[in-house]
Amino acid sequence: MHTTAANDKSRVISVSWLVQLHFSEHGSIPAHISVNKAVNTMKYSRNFGGRPNSGKENVRLAFNLTSDLSSLFNWNTKQVFVYLVGEYPGKKNEVSKVVFWDKIIRTKEDSTLELSDVRSKYSVWDYYPDLHNRTATLKLEYNIQPHVGPLIWGTADAFTQLQFPQI
């Protein structure tokens, strides 16, 4: 009987948190993304997706990013995982998605991002050896991790196009 009461309490907390997020317009996060520089290099290391005799193209970015994620925080928000992704068409009609940068935000006070000329954390590559001349859509995505309740995913209201450069 005690377990049922605890489950009911968790459900009430989850529902009230979701309602509060809905009314705080968590699905409408303002943001701005711009790319300062994109660099494409050939890597022959397994650490970068290549092999000694056949390399892979790897792309890194320098970018600017501003966003106010404060509406994602309330009494039940443990942390927000935010990441800059590139989405582009693959070789066989699939959509490829790569992460260039990410950050864990633990407090509402740290939820305003004003990044200038930041280098991507990750060098990205594709299953296929080349990336050049493909166009990616860069987006800021987030994952709200509550103390109690389900994870919530979303995308900020900003994107920019990036054509992967030649080597």
N, C-alpha and C. Protein backbone atom coordinates (compact mmCIF):
# COMPACT_ATOMS: atom_id res chain seq x y z
N MET A 1 0.81 -1.19 0.00
CA MET A 1 0.00 0.00 0.00
C MET A 1 0.85 1.26 0.00
N HIS A 2 1.95 1.22 0.71
CA HIS A 2 2.86 2.37 0.75
C HIS A 2 3.45 2.65 -0.64
N THR A 3 3.76 1.61 -1.40
CA THR A 3 4.31 1.76 -2.74
C THR A 3 3.32 2.43 -3.67
N THR A 4 2.06 2.10 -3.57
CA THR A 4 1.03 2.71 -4.40
C THR A 4 0.92 4.20 -4.12
N ALA A 5 0.99 4.60 -2.86
CA ALA A 5 0.92 6.02 -2.50
C ALA A 5 2.12 6.77 -3.07
N ALA A 6 3.30 6.16 -3.01
CA ALA A 6 4.50 6.81 -3.56
C ALA A 6 4.39 6.94 -5.08
N ASN A 7 3.86 5.92 -5.75
CA ASN A 7 3.67 6.00 -7.20
C ASN A 7 2.67 7.08 -7.56
N ASP A 8 1.59 7.19 -6.81
CA ASP A 8 0.60 8.23 -7.06
C ASP A 8 1.21 9.62 -6.88
N LYS A 9 2.03 9.78 -5.84
CA LYS A 9 2.68 11.07 -5.60
C LYS A 9 3.62 11.42 -6.76
N SER A 10 4.37 10.42 -7.25
CA SER A 10 5.27 10.65 -8.39
C SER A 10 4.48 11.06 -9.63
N ARG A 11 3.35 10.43 -9.86
CA ARG A 11 2.52 10.78 -11.02
C ARG A 11 2.00 12.21 -10.92
N VAL A 12 1.57 12.60 -9.73
CA VAL A 12 1.07 13.97 -9.53
C VAL A 12 2.18 14.98 -9.77
N ILE A 13 3.37 14.69 -9.26
CA ILE A 13 4.52 15.59 -9.47
C ILE A 13 4.84 15.69 -10.96
N SER A 14 4.87 14.55 -11.65
CA SER A 14 5.18 14.55 -13.08
C SER A 14 4.17 15.34 -13.88
N VAL A 15 2.89 15.13 -13.62
CA VAL A 15 1.84 15.82 -14.36
C VAL A 15 1.88 17.32 -14.08
N SER A 16 2.04 17.71 -12.82
CA SER A 16 2.07 19.15 -12.51
C SER A 16 3.30 19.81 -13.13
N TRP A 17 4.43 19.10 -13.18
CA TRP A 17 5.63 19.64 -13.80
C TRP A 17 5.42 19.82 -15.30
N LEU A 18 4.82 18.82 -15.95
CA LEU A 18 4.57 18.92 -17.39
C LEU A 18 3.60 20.05 -17.71
N VAL A 19 2.60 20.25 -16.90
CA VAL A 19 1.65 21.35 -17.11
C VAL A 19 2.37 22.69 -16.96
N GLN A 20 3.20 22.81 -15.92
CA GLN A 20 3.93 24.05 -15.72
C GLN A 20 4.89 24.32 -16.89
N LEU A 21 5.57 23.30 -17.39
CA LEU A 21 6.44 23.48 -18.55
C LEU A 21 5.64 23.93 -19.77
N HIS A 22 4.47 23.33 -19.97
CA HIS A 22 3.63 23.70 -21.11
C HIS A 22 3.27 25.18 -21.07
N PHE A 23 2.88 25.68 -19.91
CA PHE A 23 2.48 27.08 -19.80
C PHE A 23 3.66 28.04 -19.81
N SER A 24 4.88 27.55 -19.56
CA SER A 24 6.05 28.42 -19.64
C SER A 24 6.61 28.47 -21.06
N GLU A 25 5.90 27.84 -22.00
CA GLU A 25 6.28 27.83 -23.42
C GLU A 25 7.67 27.23 -23.63
N HIS A 26 7.91 26.08 -23.02
CA HIS A 26 9.21 25.43 -23.16
C HIS A 26 9.48 25.00 -24.60
N GLY A 27 8.46 24.92 -25.41
CA GLY A 27 8.64 24.52 -26.80
C GLY A 27 9.03 25.66 -27.72
N SER A 28 9.15 26.87 -27.19
CA SER A 28 9.49 28.04 -27.99
C SER A 28 10.70 28.74 -27.38
N ILE A 29 11.87 28.20 -27.64
CA ILE A 29 13.11 28.72 -27.07
C ILE A 29 13.80 29.59 -28.12
N PRO A 30 14.02 30.87 -27.83
CA PRO A 30 14.72 31.72 -28.81
C PRO A 30 16.21 31.39 -28.85
N ALA A 31 16.77 31.44 -30.03
CA ALA A 31 18.20 31.16 -30.20
C ALA A 31 18.70 31.77 -31.50
N HIS A 32 20.01 31.92 -31.59
CA HIS A 32 20.65 32.36 -32.82
C HIS A 32 21.94 31.56 -32.98
N ILE A 33 22.15 31.02 -34.18
CA ILE A 33 23.34 30.22 -34.48
C ILE A 33 23.99 30.79 -35.74
N SER A 34 25.29 30.98 -35.70
CA SER A 34 26.02 31.35 -36.91
C SER A 34 27.37 30.64 -36.91
N VAL A 35 27.82 30.27 -38.09
CA VAL A 35 29.10 29.57 -38.24
C VAL A 35 30.15 30.57 -38.69
N ASN A 36 31.24 30.64 -37.96
CA ASN A 36 32.35 31.52 -38.33
C ASN A 36 33.31 30.83 -39.30
N LYS A 37 33.53 29.54 -39.06
CA LYS A 37 34.50 28.81 -39.86
C LYS A 37 34.19 27.32 -39.80
N ALA A 38 34.31 26.65 -40.92
CA ALA A 38 34.20 25.20 -40.98
C ALA A 38 35.46 24.66 -41.63
N VAL A 39 36.07 23.66 -41.03
CA VAL A 39 37.31 23.08 -41.54
C VAL A 39 37.09 21.59 -41.76
N ASN A 40 37.50 21.12 -42.93
CA ASN A 40 37.37 19.72 -43.30
C ASN A 40 38.79 19.17 -43.50
N THR A 41 39.13 18.11 -42.77
CA THR A 41 40.45 17.51 -42.90
C THR A 41 40.31 16.00 -43.09
N MET A 42 41.32 15.38 -43.67
CA MET A 42 41.34 13.93 -43.85
C MET A 42 42.11 13.34 -42.67
N LYS A 43 41.48 12.38 -41.98
CA LYS A 43 42.11 11.72 -40.83
C LYS A 43 42.27 10.24 -41.14
N TYR A 44 43.42 9.71 -40.76
CA TYR A 44 43.71 8.30 -41.01
C TYR A 44 43.75 7.49 -39.71
N SER A 45 43.30 8.06 -38.64
CA SER A 45 43.30 7.40 -37.34
C SER A 45 41.94 6.77 -37.06
N ARG A 46 41.94 5.63 -36.38
CA ARG A 46 40.67 5.00 -35.99
C ARG A 46 39.90 5.90 -35.03
N ASN A 47 40.61 6.77 -34.29
CA ASN A 47 39.94 7.69 -33.37
C ASN A 47 39.04 8.68 -34.11
N PHE A 48 39.29 8.87 -35.39
CA PHE A 48 38.51 9.81 -36.18
C PHE A 48 37.73 9.11 -37.29
N GLY A 49 37.50 7.82 -37.16
CA GLY A 49 36.69 7.09 -38.12
C GLY A 49 37.43 6.50 -39.29
N GLY A 50 38.72 6.80 -39.42
CA GLY A 50 39.48 6.30 -40.55
C GLY A 50 40.26 5.05 -40.23
N ARG A 51 40.98 4.59 -41.22
CA ARG A 51 41.90 3.45 -41.08
C ARG A 51 43.23 3.86 -41.68
N PRO A 52 44.31 3.18 -41.34
CA PRO A 52 45.63 3.60 -41.81
C PRO A 52 45.72 3.85 -43.32
N ASN A 53 45.07 3.06 -44.14
CA ASN A 53 45.20 3.23 -45.59
C ASN A 53 44.01 3.92 -46.24
N SER A 54 42.96 4.16 -45.50
CA SER A 54 41.81 4.88 -46.06
C SER A 54 41.25 5.80 -45.00
N GLY A 55 41.43 7.07 -45.21
CA GLY A 55 41.01 8.06 -44.23
C GLY A 55 39.55 8.43 -44.35
N LYS A 56 39.12 9.29 -43.45
CA LYS A 56 37.75 9.84 -43.45
C LYS A 56 37.85 11.35 -43.33
N GLU A 57 36.91 12.01 -44.00
CA GLU A 57 36.82 13.46 -43.84
C GLU A 57 36.22 13.76 -42.48
N ASN A 58 36.81 14.71 -41.79
CA ASN A 58 36.36 15.14 -40.47
C ASN A 58 36.13 16.64 -40.50
N VAL A 59 34.99 17.07 -39.99
CA VAL A 59 34.65 18.50 -39.99
C VAL A 59 34.60 19.01 -38.56
N ARG A 60 35.20 20.18 -38.37
CA ARG A 60 35.13 20.92 -37.10
C ARG A 60 34.62 22.32 -37.41
N LEU A 61 33.98 22.94 -36.42
CA LEU A 61 33.39 24.27 -36.61
C LEU A 61 33.92 25.26 -35.59
N ALA A 62 33.81 26.52 -35.93
CA ALA A 62 33.87 27.63 -34.97
C ALA A 62 32.54 28.35 -35.16
N PHE A 63 31.82 28.59 -34.07
CA PHE A 63 30.46 29.11 -34.20
C PHE A 63 30.13 30.11 -33.09
N ASN A 64 29.07 30.86 -33.33
CA ASN A 64 28.47 31.75 -32.34
C ASN A 64 27.10 31.17 -32.00
N LEU A 65 26.72 31.29 -30.74
CA LEU A 65 25.44 30.75 -30.30
C LEU A 65 24.91 31.59 -29.15
N THR A 66 23.68 32.05 -29.28
CA THR A 66 23.00 32.72 -28.17
C THR A 66 21.64 32.05 -27.98
N SER A 67 21.27 31.89 -26.71
CA SER A 67 19.97 31.30 -26.41
C SER A 67 19.64 31.54 -24.95
N ASP A 68 18.35 31.67 -24.67
CA ASP A 68 17.86 31.80 -23.30
C ASP A 68 17.04 30.56 -22.98
N LEU A 69 17.60 29.67 -22.19
CA LEU A 69 16.96 28.41 -21.83
C LEU A 69 16.28 28.46 -20.46
N SER A 70 16.14 29.65 -19.90
CA SER A 70 15.62 29.78 -18.53
C SER A 70 14.20 29.25 -18.36
N SER A 71 13.40 29.29 -19.43
CA SER A 71 12.02 28.79 -19.30
C SER A 71 11.97 27.27 -19.13
N LEU A 72 13.09 26.59 -19.32
CA LEU A 72 13.13 25.14 -19.14
C LEU A 72 13.34 24.74 -17.68
N PHE A 73 13.63 25.72 -16.84
CA PHE A 73 13.92 25.44 -15.43
C PHE A 73 12.73 25.79 -14.55
N ASN A 74 12.39 24.87 -13.67
CA ASN A 74 11.44 25.11 -12.59
C ASN A 74 11.82 24.21 -11.42
N TRP A 75 10.95 24.06 -10.46
CA TRP A 75 11.23 23.33 -9.23
C TRP A 75 11.59 21.86 -9.45
N ASN A 76 11.23 21.27 -10.60
CA ASN A 76 11.48 19.86 -10.83
C ASN A 76 12.60 19.61 -11.85
N THR A 77 13.23 20.65 -12.36
CA THR A 77 14.29 20.48 -13.36
C THR A 77 15.60 20.18 -12.65
N LYS A 78 16.16 19.03 -12.94
CA LYS A 78 17.45 18.65 -12.38
C LYS A 78 18.57 19.29 -13.19
N GLN A 79 18.49 19.13 -14.52
CA GLN A 79 19.48 19.71 -15.42
C GLN A 79 18.94 19.68 -16.84
N VAL A 80 19.58 20.46 -17.71
CA VAL A 80 19.23 20.48 -19.13
C VAL A 80 20.50 20.16 -19.92
N PHE A 81 20.37 19.18 -20.79
CA PHE A 81 21.47 18.81 -21.68
C PHE A 81 21.18 19.50 -23.01
N VAL A 82 22.09 20.36 -23.47
CA VAL A 82 21.89 21.12 -24.70
C VAL A 82 23.00 20.76 -25.68
N TYR A 83 22.66 20.67 -26.97
CA TYR A 83 23.65 20.24 -27.95
C TYR A 83 23.37 20.85 -29.31
N LEU A 84 24.47 21.16 -30.03
CA LEU A 84 24.40 21.70 -31.38
C LEU A 84 24.57 20.53 -32.34
N VAL A 85 23.55 20.28 -33.14
CA VAL A 85 23.57 19.14 -34.06
C VAL A 85 23.57 19.62 -35.51
N GLY A 86 24.12 18.80 -36.37
CA GLY A 86 24.04 18.99 -37.81
C GLY A 86 23.27 17.83 -38.40
N GLU A 87 22.27 18.13 -39.19
CA GLU A 87 21.45 17.10 -39.82
C GLU A 87 21.58 17.26 -41.32
N TYR A 88 21.90 16.17 -42.02
CA TYR A 88 22.12 16.25 -43.46
C TYR A 88 21.70 14.94 -44.13
N PRO A 89 21.41 14.99 -45.44
CA PRO A 89 21.03 13.76 -46.14
C PRO A 89 22.23 12.84 -46.30
N GLY A 90 22.01 11.56 -46.03
CA GLY A 90 23.06 10.56 -46.21
C GLY A 90 23.11 10.10 -47.65
N LYS A 91 23.93 9.12 -47.91
CA LYS A 91 24.13 8.62 -49.27
C LYS A 91 22.97 7.77 -49.78
N LYS A 92 22.27 7.09 -48.91
CA LYS A 92 21.22 6.16 -49.35
C LYS A 92 19.85 6.57 -48.82
N ASN A 93 19.49 7.84 -49.00
CA ASN A 93 18.19 8.39 -48.61
C ASN A 93 17.91 8.34 -47.12
N GLU A 94 18.92 8.20 -46.29
CA GLU A 94 18.73 8.29 -44.85
C GLU A 94 19.14 9.68 -44.39
N VAL A 95 18.72 10.05 -43.21
CA VAL A 95 19.11 11.33 -42.62
C VAL A 95 20.19 11.05 -41.60
N SER A 96 21.30 11.75 -41.71
CA SER A 96 22.40 11.62 -40.76
C SER A 96 22.35 12.79 -39.79
N LYS A 97 22.69 12.51 -38.55
CA LYS A 97 22.66 13.54 -37.51
C LYS A 97 23.94 13.40 -36.68
N VAL A 98 24.69 14.51 -36.55
CA VAL A 98 25.94 14.50 -35.81
C VAL A 98 25.92 15.62 -34.76
N VAL A 99 26.66 15.43 -33.68
CA VAL A 99 26.74 16.43 -32.61
C VAL A 99 28.10 17.11 -32.70
N PHE A 100 28.09 18.45 -32.78
CA PHE A 100 29.31 19.24 -32.82
C PHE A 100 29.73 19.73 -31.43
N TRP A 101 28.75 20.01 -30.59
CA TRP A 101 29.02 20.62 -29.29
C TRP A 101 27.90 20.27 -28.33
N ASP A 102 28.21 20.14 -27.04
CA ASP A 102 27.17 19.92 -26.04
C ASP A 102 27.58 20.52 -24.70
N LYS A 103 26.58 20.64 -23.84
CA LYS A 103 26.83 21.19 -22.50
C LYS A 103 25.70 20.77 -21.58
N ILE A 104 26.04 20.53 -20.32
CA ILE A 104 25.04 20.26 -19.29
C ILE A 104 24.86 21.53 -18.49
N ILE A 105 23.62 21.99 -18.38
CA ILE A 105 23.30 23.20 -17.62
C ILE A 105 22.53 22.76 -16.39
N ARG A 106 23.06 23.10 -15.22
CA ARG A 106 22.48 22.60 -13.98
C ARG A 106 21.63 23.62 -13.23
N THR A 107 21.76 24.91 -13.56
CA THR A 107 20.99 25.93 -12.83
C THR A 107 20.38 26.94 -13.80
N LYS A 108 19.31 27.54 -13.36
CA LYS A 108 18.65 28.57 -14.16
C LYS A 108 19.58 29.77 -14.37
N GLU A 109 20.43 30.04 -13.40
CA GLU A 109 21.37 31.16 -13.50
C GLU A 109 22.39 30.96 -14.63
N ASP A 110 22.66 29.72 -14.99
CA ASP A 110 23.61 29.42 -16.06
C ASP A 110 22.93 29.14 -17.39
N SER A 111 21.63 29.40 -17.50
CA SER A 111 20.86 28.97 -18.66
C SER A 111 20.86 29.94 -19.84
N THR A 112 21.49 31.08 -19.70
CA THR A 112 21.62 32.00 -20.84
C THR A 112 22.96 31.76 -21.50
N LEU A 113 22.92 31.34 -22.76
CA LEU A 113 24.13 31.05 -23.51
C LEU A 113 24.48 32.24 -24.40
N GLU A 114 25.71 32.70 -24.29
CA GLU A 114 26.23 33.75 -25.17
C GLU A 114 27.64 33.33 -25.56
N LEU A 115 27.72 32.45 -26.54
CA LEU A 115 28.99 31.89 -26.96
C LEU A 115 29.46 32.59 -28.22
N SER A 116 30.73 32.96 -28.23
CA SER A 116 31.29 33.66 -29.37
C SER A 116 32.56 32.96 -29.84
N ASP A 117 32.60 32.61 -31.11
CA ASP A 117 33.74 31.97 -31.74
C ASP A 117 34.23 30.74 -30.96
N VAL A 118 33.28 29.88 -30.61
CA VAL A 118 33.57 28.66 -29.87
C VAL A 118 33.88 27.54 -30.85
N ARG A 119 34.89 26.76 -30.55
CA ARG A 119 35.24 25.60 -31.40
C ARG A 119 34.36 24.42 -31.01
N SER A 120 33.99 23.65 -32.00
CA SER A 120 33.19 22.45 -31.73
C SER A 120 33.99 21.51 -30.82
N LYS A 121 33.28 20.81 -29.95
CA LYS A 121 33.93 19.85 -29.05
C LYS A 121 34.33 18.58 -29.79
N TYR A 122 33.58 18.28 -30.85
CA TYR A 122 33.76 17.00 -31.52
C TYR A 122 34.09 17.20 -32.99
N SER A 123 34.98 16.36 -33.48
CA SER A 123 35.28 16.27 -34.89
C SER A 123 34.31 15.23 -35.44
N VAL A 124 33.53 15.58 -36.43
CA VAL A 124 32.49 14.65 -36.90
C VAL A 124 32.84 14.06 -38.26
N TRP A 125 32.39 12.85 -38.46
CA TRP A 125 32.58 12.17 -39.73
C TRP A 125 31.35 11.33 -40.02
N ASP A 126 31.27 10.88 -41.24
CA ASP A 126 30.12 10.10 -41.70
C ASP A 126 30.53 8.65 -41.88
N TYR A 127 29.54 7.79 -42.00
CA TYR A 127 29.79 6.38 -42.29
C TYR A 127 30.55 6.24 -43.61
N TYR A 128 30.18 7.07 -44.58
CA TYR A 128 30.85 7.09 -45.87
C TYR A 128 32.07 7.99 -45.77
N PRO A 129 33.09 7.82 -46.62
CA PRO A 129 34.35 8.54 -46.43
C PRO A 129 34.29 10.05 -46.64
N ASP A 130 33.32 10.58 -47.36
CA ASP A 130 33.35 12.01 -47.66
C ASP A 130 32.15 12.76 -47.11
N LEU A 131 32.42 14.02 -46.75
CA LEU A 131 31.38 14.94 -46.28
C LEU A 131 31.25 16.16 -47.18
N HIS A 132 32.31 16.49 -47.92
CA HIS A 132 32.32 17.74 -48.69
C HIS A 132 31.11 17.84 -49.63
N ASN A 133 30.69 19.08 -49.83
CA ASN A 133 29.57 19.45 -50.71
C ASN A 133 28.20 18.98 -50.22
N ARG A 134 28.11 18.45 -49.03
CA ARG A 134 26.80 18.14 -48.46
C ARG A 134 26.37 19.33 -47.61
N THR A 135 25.07 19.59 -47.58
CA THR A 135 24.54 20.71 -46.82
C THR A 135 23.85 20.19 -45.56
N ALA A 136 24.28 20.72 -44.43
CA ALA A 136 23.71 20.34 -43.14
C ALA A 136 22.89 21.49 -42.58
N THR A 137 21.86 21.15 -41.84
CA THR A 137 21.09 22.13 -41.08
C THR A 137 21.55 22.04 -39.63
N LEU A 138 22.09 23.14 -39.10
CA LEU A 138 22.53 23.18 -37.72
C LEU A 138 21.37 23.61 -36.84
N LYS A 139 21.15 22.89 -35.74
CA LYS A 139 20.07 23.18 -34.81
C LYS A 139 20.58 23.07 -33.39
N LEU A 140 19.93 23.80 -32.49
CA LEU A 140 20.19 23.68 -31.07
C LEU A 140 19.07 22.83 -30.48
N GLU A 141 19.43 21.68 -29.94
CA GLU A 141 18.44 20.78 -29.35
C GLU A 141 18.72 20.66 -27.85
N TYR A 142 17.69 20.25 -27.10
CA TYR A 142 17.86 20.12 -25.66
C TYR A 142 17.08 18.94 -25.13
N ASN A 143 17.50 18.50 -23.95
CA ASN A 143 16.84 17.43 -23.23
C ASN A 143 16.69 17.88 -21.78
N ILE A 144 15.45 18.00 -21.32
CA ILE A 144 15.18 18.40 -19.94
C ILE A 144 15.15 17.13 -19.09
N GLN A 145 15.98 17.10 -18.06
CA GLN A 145 16.04 15.94 -17.17
C GLN A 145 15.48 16.36 -15.81
N PRO A 146 14.30 15.84 -15.46
CA PRO A 146 13.66 16.23 -14.20
C PRO A 146 14.16 15.39 -13.02
N HIS A 147 13.85 15.85 -11.82
CA HIS A 147 14.08 15.03 -10.63
C HIS A 147 13.11 13.85 -10.64
N VAL A 148 11.85 14.12 -11.00
CA VAL A 148 10.81 13.09 -11.08
C VAL A 148 10.04 13.28 -12.37
N GLY A 149 9.87 12.22 -13.15
CA GLY A 149 9.07 12.30 -14.36
C GLY A 149 9.85 11.96 -15.61
N PRO A 150 9.18 12.09 -16.75
CA PRO A 150 9.79 11.70 -18.02
C PRO A 150 10.77 12.75 -18.54
N LEU A 151 11.71 12.30 -19.37
CA LEU A 151 12.61 13.22 -20.07
C LEU A 151 11.83 13.93 -21.16
N ILE A 152 12.17 15.19 -21.41
CA ILE A 152 11.51 15.99 -22.44
C ILE A 152 12.58 16.46 -23.42
N TRP A 153 12.35 16.23 -24.73
CA TRP A 153 13.26 16.68 -25.77
C TRP A 153 12.63 17.82 -26.53
N GLY A 154 13.47 18.72 -27.04
CA GLY A 154 12.97 19.82 -27.84
C GLY A 154 14.06 20.42 -28.71
N THR A 155 13.64 21.34 -29.57
CA THR A 155 14.55 22.04 -30.47
C THR A 155 14.28 23.54 -30.36
N ALA A 156 15.34 24.32 -30.25
CA ALA A 156 15.19 25.78 -30.18
C ALA A 156 14.72 26.32 -31.52
N ASP A 157 14.19 27.54 -31.48
CA ASP A 157 13.64 28.18 -32.68
C ASP A 157 14.75 28.86 -33.49
N ALA A 158 15.75 28.11 -33.89
CA ALA A 158 16.83 28.66 -34.71
C ALA A 158 17.51 27.54 -35.47
N PHE A 159 17.94 27.87 -36.65
CA PHE A 159 18.76 26.94 -37.42
C PHE A 159 19.53 27.74 -38.45
N THR A 160 20.59 27.14 -38.96
CA THR A 160 21.34 27.74 -40.03
C THR A 160 21.86 26.63 -40.94
N GLN A 161 22.09 26.98 -42.18
CA GLN A 161 22.59 26.01 -43.16
C GLN A 161 24.11 26.08 -43.21
N LEU A 162 24.73 24.92 -43.39
CA LEU A 162 26.18 24.84 -43.50
C LEU A 162 26.51 23.87 -44.63
N GLN A 163 27.29 24.34 -45.59
CA GLN A 163 27.78 23.42 -46.62
C GLN A 163 29.16 22.96 -46.17
N PHE A 164 29.30 21.63 -46.00
CA PHE A 164 30.58 21.10 -45.59
C PHE A 164 31.62 21.45 -46.65
N PRO A 165 32.78 22.01 -46.23
CA PRO A 165 33.77 22.48 -47.20
C PRO A 165 34.60 21.34 -47.81
N GLN A 166 35.28 21.69 -48.90
CA GLN A 166 36.26 20.78 -49.52
C GLN A 166 37.45 20.65 -48.59
N ILE A 167 38.23 19.62 -48.79
CA ILE A 167 39.46 19.45 -48.01
C ILE A 167 40.49 20.43 -48.51
